[in-house]
């Protein structure tokens, strides 16, 4: 449940970050000007600068939240698979195969795969 909540939060924060970056005005108002419109002509020169400052602060805050969410996802992700070997059981199995008390059956599919691996190793 926690993973789902953080996943949804990550998607929302990502969308806010994209929108915040796109709405910021640049020196040459290409993409952000096309989406947000020119802040200077619509709001006046002083309001445009104030809006840019607010968008800049909003972008910084959203970026920090985005980083925190990414770190939270990294922290809660399940650990890597840990392989532990029971060497005594492995030794018993090998001894059983050697003395014939344990029989190993190989299917035709596995045998074909083994031949394929041998052929590719020769090349």
N, C-alpha and C. Protein backbone atom coordinates (compact mmCIF):
# COMPACT_ATOMS: atom_id res chain seq x y z
N UNK A 1 0.83 -1.20 0.00
CA UNK A 1 0.00 0.00 0.00
C UNK A 1 0.87 1.25 0.00
N UNK A 2 1.94 1.22 0.78
CA UNK A 2 2.84 2.37 0.85
C UNK A 2 3.50 2.62 -0.51
N UNK A 3 3.83 1.53 -1.21
CA UNK A 3 4.46 1.68 -2.53
C UNK A 3 3.52 2.37 -3.51
N UNK A 4 2.22 2.05 -3.42
CA UNK A 4 1.24 2.65 -4.32
C UNK A 4 1.11 4.14 -4.03
N UNK A 5 1.06 4.49 -2.76
CA UNK A 5 0.92 5.91 -2.38
C UNK A 5 2.14 6.70 -2.85
N UNK A 6 3.32 6.17 -2.62
CA UNK A 6 4.53 6.88 -3.04
C UNK A 6 4.62 6.92 -4.56
N UNK A 7 4.16 5.87 -5.25
CA UNK A 7 4.15 5.87 -6.71
C UNK A 7 3.24 6.95 -7.28
N UNK A 8 2.06 7.07 -6.71
CA UNK A 8 1.12 8.11 -7.14
C UNK A 8 1.69 9.49 -6.83
N UNK A 9 2.29 9.62 -5.66
CA UNK A 9 2.92 10.89 -5.29
C UNK A 9 4.04 11.26 -6.27
N UNK A 10 4.82 10.26 -6.68
CA UNK A 10 5.90 10.50 -7.64
C UNK A 10 5.34 10.97 -8.98
N UNK A 11 4.26 10.38 -9.43
CA UNK A 11 3.65 10.80 -10.70
C UNK A 11 3.15 12.24 -10.59
N UNK A 12 2.46 12.55 -9.49
CA UNK A 12 1.94 13.92 -9.31
C UNK A 12 3.07 14.95 -9.24
N UNK A 13 4.10 14.63 -8.46
CA UNK A 13 5.23 15.56 -8.34
C UNK A 13 5.93 15.72 -9.69
N UNK A 14 6.03 14.65 -10.46
CA UNK A 14 6.65 14.74 -11.79
C UNK A 14 5.85 15.66 -12.70
N UNK A 15 4.53 15.53 -12.66
CA UNK A 15 3.68 16.40 -13.48
C UNK A 15 3.82 17.85 -13.05
N UNK A 16 3.82 18.09 -11.74
CA UNK A 16 4.00 19.47 -11.25
C UNK A 16 5.35 20.03 -11.67
N UNK A 17 6.38 19.20 -11.63
CA UNK A 17 7.72 19.66 -12.01
C UNK A 17 7.76 20.01 -13.50
N UNK A 18 7.17 19.19 -14.32
CA UNK A 18 7.14 19.46 -15.76
C UNK A 18 6.38 20.75 -16.04
N UNK A 19 5.22 20.90 -15.41
CA UNK A 19 4.42 22.11 -15.62
C UNK A 19 5.16 23.35 -15.12
N UNK A 20 5.80 23.25 -13.96
CA UNK A 20 6.52 24.40 -13.42
C UNK A 20 7.66 24.83 -14.33
N UNK A 21 8.35 23.87 -14.91
CA UNK A 21 9.46 24.21 -15.81
C UNK A 21 8.92 24.80 -17.10
N UNK A 22 7.84 24.24 -17.62
CA UNK A 22 7.30 24.76 -18.88
C UNK A 22 6.70 26.16 -18.74
N UNK A 23 6.16 26.48 -17.59
CA UNK A 23 5.56 27.79 -17.41
C UNK A 23 6.56 28.90 -17.13
N UNK A 24 7.78 28.56 -16.87
CA UNK A 24 8.78 29.60 -16.62
C UNK A 24 9.13 30.29 -17.93
N UNK A 25 9.29 31.58 -17.85
CA UNK A 25 9.65 32.33 -19.05
C UNK A 25 11.16 32.26 -19.24
N UNK A 26 11.54 32.33 -20.49
CA UNK A 26 12.98 32.32 -20.79
C UNK A 26 13.30 33.60 -21.55
N UNK A 27 14.57 33.76 -21.88
CA UNK A 27 14.97 34.96 -22.61
C UNK A 27 14.32 35.00 -23.99
N UNK A 28 14.21 33.85 -24.61
CA UNK A 28 13.47 33.76 -25.86
C UNK A 28 12.27 32.87 -25.59
N UNK A 29 11.11 33.46 -25.47
CA UNK A 29 9.91 32.74 -25.04
C UNK A 29 9.43 31.81 -26.14
N UNK A 30 10.06 30.65 -26.24
CA UNK A 30 9.64 29.68 -27.25
C UNK A 30 8.52 28.81 -26.69
N UNK A 31 8.89 27.67 -26.11
CA UNK A 31 7.88 26.72 -25.65
C UNK A 31 7.11 27.26 -24.45
N UNK A 32 7.80 27.82 -23.48
CA UNK A 32 7.09 28.32 -22.30
C UNK A 32 6.19 29.50 -22.66
N UNK A 33 6.61 30.30 -23.59
CA UNK A 33 5.76 31.41 -24.02
C UNK A 33 4.54 30.94 -24.77
N UNK A 34 4.70 29.87 -25.52
CA UNK A 34 3.57 29.33 -26.26
C UNK A 34 2.54 28.71 -25.33
N UNK A 35 3.00 28.10 -24.25
CA UNK A 35 2.07 27.45 -23.34
C UNK A 35 1.49 28.45 -22.35
N UNK A 36 2.34 29.22 -21.70
CA UNK A 36 1.89 30.09 -20.63
C UNK A 36 1.47 31.46 -21.14
N UNK A 37 1.91 31.82 -22.31
CA UNK A 37 1.67 33.16 -22.79
C UNK A 37 2.74 34.07 -22.22
N UNK A 38 2.89 35.19 -22.78
CA UNK A 38 3.92 36.10 -22.31
C UNK A 38 3.44 36.81 -21.05
N UNK A 39 4.18 36.65 -19.99
CA UNK A 39 3.77 37.21 -18.71
C UNK A 39 3.87 38.74 -18.72
N UNK A 40 4.82 39.26 -19.48
CA UNK A 40 5.00 40.70 -19.48
C UNK A 40 3.86 41.41 -20.19
N UNK A 41 3.37 40.85 -21.27
CA UNK A 41 2.29 41.54 -21.98
C UNK A 41 0.94 41.33 -21.30
N UNK A 42 0.74 40.19 -20.68
CA UNK A 42 -0.56 39.91 -20.07
C UNK A 42 -0.69 40.56 -18.70
N UNK A 43 0.35 40.43 -17.88
CA UNK A 43 0.28 40.93 -16.50
C UNK A 43 0.95 42.27 -16.30
N UNK A 44 1.69 42.75 -17.23
CA UNK A 44 2.49 43.93 -17.04
C UNK A 44 3.90 43.53 -16.65
N UNK A 45 4.84 44.44 -16.75
CA UNK A 45 6.25 44.09 -16.54
C UNK A 45 6.55 43.69 -15.10
N UNK A 46 6.04 44.38 -14.12
CA UNK A 46 6.38 44.06 -12.73
C UNK A 46 5.71 42.78 -12.28
N UNK A 47 4.48 42.54 -12.72
CA UNK A 47 3.80 41.31 -12.33
C UNK A 47 4.47 40.10 -12.98
N UNK A 48 4.97 40.26 -14.19
CA UNK A 48 5.66 39.17 -14.87
C UNK A 48 6.89 38.74 -14.11
N UNK A 49 7.63 39.69 -13.58
CA UNK A 49 8.83 39.36 -12.81
C UNK A 49 8.46 38.68 -11.49
N UNK A 50 7.38 39.12 -10.87
CA UNK A 50 6.93 38.51 -9.62
C UNK A 50 6.48 37.07 -9.86
N UNK A 51 5.75 36.86 -10.95
CA UNK A 51 5.30 35.51 -11.28
C UNK A 51 6.49 34.61 -11.57
N UNK A 52 7.50 35.14 -12.28
CA UNK A 52 8.70 34.35 -12.56
C UNK A 52 9.41 33.95 -11.27
N UNK A 53 9.47 34.87 -10.31
CA UNK A 53 10.11 34.54 -9.03
C UNK A 53 9.33 33.46 -8.30
N UNK A 54 8.00 33.57 -8.31
CA UNK A 54 7.18 32.55 -7.65
C UNK A 54 7.31 31.19 -8.34
N UNK A 55 7.32 31.20 -9.67
CA UNK A 55 7.51 29.94 -10.40
C UNK A 55 8.88 29.34 -10.14
N UNK A 56 9.88 30.20 -10.01
CA UNK A 56 11.23 29.72 -9.71
C UNK A 56 11.27 29.06 -8.34
N UNK A 57 10.66 29.68 -7.34
CA UNK A 57 10.60 29.09 -6.00
C UNK A 57 9.79 27.79 -6.02
N UNK A 58 8.67 27.80 -6.74
CA UNK A 58 7.84 26.61 -6.85
C UNK A 58 8.61 25.46 -7.49
N UNK A 59 9.38 25.77 -8.53
CA UNK A 59 10.18 24.74 -9.21
C UNK A 59 11.23 24.17 -8.27
N UNK A 60 11.86 25.01 -7.48
CA UNK A 60 12.87 24.53 -6.53
C UNK A 60 12.22 23.63 -5.49
N UNK A 61 11.08 24.05 -4.96
CA UNK A 61 10.40 23.24 -3.94
C UNK A 61 9.96 21.89 -4.52
N UNK A 62 9.37 21.91 -5.71
CA UNK A 62 8.92 20.67 -6.34
C UNK A 62 10.11 19.77 -6.66
N UNK A 63 11.22 20.36 -7.06
CA UNK A 63 12.43 19.57 -7.34
C UNK A 63 12.94 18.88 -6.08
N UNK A 64 12.91 19.58 -4.97
CA UNK A 64 13.35 19.00 -3.69
C UNK A 64 12.40 17.87 -3.28
N UNK A 65 11.08 18.10 -3.43
CA UNK A 65 10.10 17.06 -3.09
C UNK A 65 10.29 15.85 -4.00
N UNK A 66 10.55 16.10 -5.28
CA UNK A 66 10.80 15.02 -6.24
C UNK A 66 12.00 14.18 -5.81
N UNK A 67 13.07 14.84 -5.41
CA UNK A 67 14.27 14.14 -4.95
C UNK A 67 13.98 13.32 -3.70
N UNK A 68 13.23 13.88 -2.77
CA UNK A 68 12.88 13.17 -1.54
C UNK A 68 12.03 11.93 -1.85
N UNK A 69 11.08 12.07 -2.78
CA UNK A 69 10.23 10.93 -3.14
C UNK A 69 11.06 9.83 -3.80
N UNK A 70 11.97 10.22 -4.67
CA UNK A 70 12.84 9.23 -5.31
C UNK A 70 13.68 8.50 -4.27
N UNK A 71 14.23 9.24 -3.31
CA UNK A 71 15.02 8.61 -2.25
C UNK A 71 14.15 7.71 -1.38
N UNK A 72 12.90 8.11 -1.14
CA UNK A 72 11.98 7.27 -0.36
C UNK A 72 11.68 5.97 -1.10
N UNK A 73 11.48 6.06 -2.40
CA UNK A 73 11.24 4.85 -3.20
C UNK A 73 12.45 3.93 -3.13
N UNK A 74 13.63 4.51 -3.22
CA UNK A 74 14.85 3.71 -3.14
C UNK A 74 14.97 3.06 -1.76
N UNK A 75 14.58 3.77 -0.73
CA UNK A 75 14.72 3.25 0.63
C UNK A 75 13.74 2.12 0.92
N UNK A 76 12.52 2.18 0.36
CA UNK A 76 11.52 1.16 0.68
C UNK A 76 11.50 0.00 -0.29
N UNK A 77 12.27 0.10 -1.37
CA UNK A 77 12.22 -1.02 -2.31
C UNK A 77 12.75 -2.29 -1.66
N UNK A 78 12.20 -3.42 -2.06
CA UNK A 78 12.67 -4.66 -1.45
C UNK A 78 14.14 -4.88 -1.75
N UNK A 79 14.83 -5.51 -0.79
CA UNK A 79 16.25 -5.76 -0.97
C UNK A 79 16.51 -6.70 -2.11
N UNK A 80 17.71 -6.64 -2.59
CA UNK A 80 18.08 -7.55 -3.66
C UNK A 80 18.00 -8.98 -3.15
N UNK A 81 17.72 -9.87 -4.06
CA UNK A 81 17.59 -11.27 -3.68
C UNK A 81 18.91 -11.76 -3.09
N UNK A 82 18.81 -12.30 -1.92
CA UNK A 82 20.00 -12.83 -1.27
C UNK A 82 19.98 -14.34 -1.44
N UNK A 83 21.02 -14.85 -2.03
CA UNK A 83 21.11 -16.28 -2.26
C UNK A 83 21.99 -16.86 -1.16
N UNK A 84 21.43 -17.77 -0.44
CA UNK A 84 22.21 -18.46 0.58
C UNK A 84 22.29 -19.92 0.19
N UNK A 85 23.41 -20.48 0.42
CA UNK A 85 23.64 -21.86 0.06
C UNK A 85 23.75 -22.71 1.32
N UNK A 86 23.10 -23.84 1.27
CA UNK A 86 23.25 -24.83 2.32
C UNK A 86 24.27 -25.83 1.78
N UNK A 87 25.53 -25.57 2.11
CA UNK A 87 26.61 -26.37 1.54
C UNK A 87 26.52 -27.84 1.94
N UNK A 88 26.03 -28.12 3.15
CA UNK A 88 25.90 -29.52 3.57
C UNK A 88 24.89 -30.25 2.70
N UNK A 89 23.75 -29.60 2.43
CA UNK A 89 22.75 -30.23 1.58
C UNK A 89 23.27 -30.38 0.16
N UNK A 90 24.03 -29.40 -0.32
CA UNK A 90 24.61 -29.48 -1.65
C UNK A 90 25.61 -30.63 -1.75
N UNK A 91 26.44 -30.79 -0.72
CA UNK A 91 27.41 -31.90 -0.70
C UNK A 91 26.68 -33.23 -0.67
N UNK A 92 25.59 -33.33 0.13
CA UNK A 92 24.81 -34.56 0.18
C UNK A 92 24.18 -34.87 -1.17
N UNK A 93 23.70 -33.86 -1.85
CA UNK A 93 23.08 -34.05 -3.16
C UNK A 93 24.12 -34.56 -4.16
N UNK A 94 25.28 -33.91 -4.19
CA UNK A 94 26.34 -34.33 -5.11
C UNK A 94 26.78 -35.76 -4.81
N UNK A 95 26.93 -36.07 -3.53
CA UNK A 95 27.31 -37.44 -3.14
C UNK A 95 26.24 -38.42 -3.56
N UNK A 96 24.97 -38.06 -3.42
CA UNK A 96 23.88 -38.94 -3.82
C UNK A 96 23.85 -39.18 -5.32
N UNK A 97 24.16 -38.12 -6.10
CA UNK A 97 24.21 -38.28 -7.56
C UNK A 97 25.37 -39.19 -7.94
N UNK A 98 26.51 -39.00 -7.26
CA UNK A 98 27.70 -39.81 -7.57
C UNK A 98 27.49 -41.28 -7.23
N UNK A 99 26.87 -41.58 -6.09
CA UNK A 99 26.71 -42.99 -5.70
C UNK A 99 25.44 -43.62 -6.27
N UNK A 100 24.61 -42.83 -6.97
CA UNK A 100 23.44 -43.38 -7.63
C UNK A 100 22.18 -43.40 -6.79
N UNK A 101 22.24 -42.95 -5.55
CA UNK A 101 21.03 -42.94 -4.73
C UNK A 101 20.06 -41.83 -5.14
N UNK A 102 20.55 -40.82 -5.86
CA UNK A 102 19.71 -39.75 -6.40
C UNK A 102 19.86 -39.80 -7.91
N UNK A 103 18.76 -39.88 -8.60
CA UNK A 103 18.82 -39.90 -10.06
C UNK A 103 18.42 -38.54 -10.60
N UNK A 104 19.11 -38.13 -11.62
CA UNK A 104 18.84 -36.85 -12.25
C UNK A 104 18.28 -37.14 -13.63
N UNK A 105 17.10 -36.59 -13.90
CA UNK A 105 16.50 -36.78 -15.22
C UNK A 105 16.59 -35.49 -16.00
N UNK A 106 16.90 -35.64 -17.26
CA UNK A 106 17.01 -34.49 -18.15
C UNK A 106 15.95 -34.62 -19.21
N UNK A 107 15.13 -33.57 -19.38
CA UNK A 107 14.10 -33.60 -20.41
C UNK A 107 14.74 -33.36 -21.77
N UNK A 108 14.02 -33.68 -22.82
CA UNK A 108 14.53 -33.47 -24.17
C UNK A 108 14.81 -32.00 -24.42
N UNK A 109 13.96 -31.15 -23.89
CA UNK A 109 14.12 -29.70 -24.05
C UNK A 109 15.42 -29.22 -23.41
N UNK A 110 15.70 -29.69 -22.20
CA UNK A 110 16.93 -29.31 -21.51
C UNK A 110 18.15 -29.85 -22.26
N UNK A 111 18.02 -31.06 -22.81
CA UNK A 111 19.13 -31.65 -23.54
C UNK A 111 19.42 -30.85 -24.81
N UNK A 112 18.36 -30.40 -25.51
CA UNK A 112 18.54 -29.59 -26.71
C UNK A 112 19.18 -28.26 -26.35
N UNK A 113 18.76 -27.66 -25.24
CA UNK A 113 19.36 -26.41 -24.78
C UNK A 113 20.84 -26.59 -24.50
N UNK A 114 21.19 -27.70 -23.88
CA UNK A 114 22.60 -27.97 -23.56
C UNK A 114 23.41 -28.09 -24.84
N UNK A 115 22.85 -28.76 -25.86
CA UNK A 115 23.57 -28.88 -27.14
C UNK A 115 23.70 -27.53 -27.82
N UNK A 116 22.67 -26.69 -27.71
CA UNK A 116 22.74 -25.35 -28.28
C UNK A 116 23.84 -24.53 -27.62
N UNK A 117 23.98 -24.66 -26.30
CA UNK A 117 25.02 -23.92 -25.58
C UNK A 117 26.40 -24.43 -25.99
N UNK A 118 26.54 -25.72 -26.19
CA UNK A 118 27.83 -26.28 -26.60
C UNK A 118 28.20 -25.80 -28.00
N UNK A 119 27.21 -25.76 -28.92
CA UNK A 119 27.47 -25.31 -30.28
C UNK A 119 27.86 -23.84 -30.31
N UNK A 120 27.19 -23.02 -29.52
CA UNK A 120 27.52 -21.58 -29.52
C UNK A 120 28.87 -21.33 -28.85
N UNK A 121 29.27 -22.20 -27.92
CA UNK A 121 30.56 -22.03 -27.26
C UNK A 121 31.70 -22.36 -28.21
N UNK A 122 31.47 -23.28 -29.14
CA UNK A 122 32.51 -23.66 -30.10
C UNK A 122 32.75 -22.57 -31.11
N UNK A 123 31.71 -21.79 -31.42
CA UNK A 123 31.83 -20.73 -32.43
C UNK A 123 32.56 -19.56 -31.90
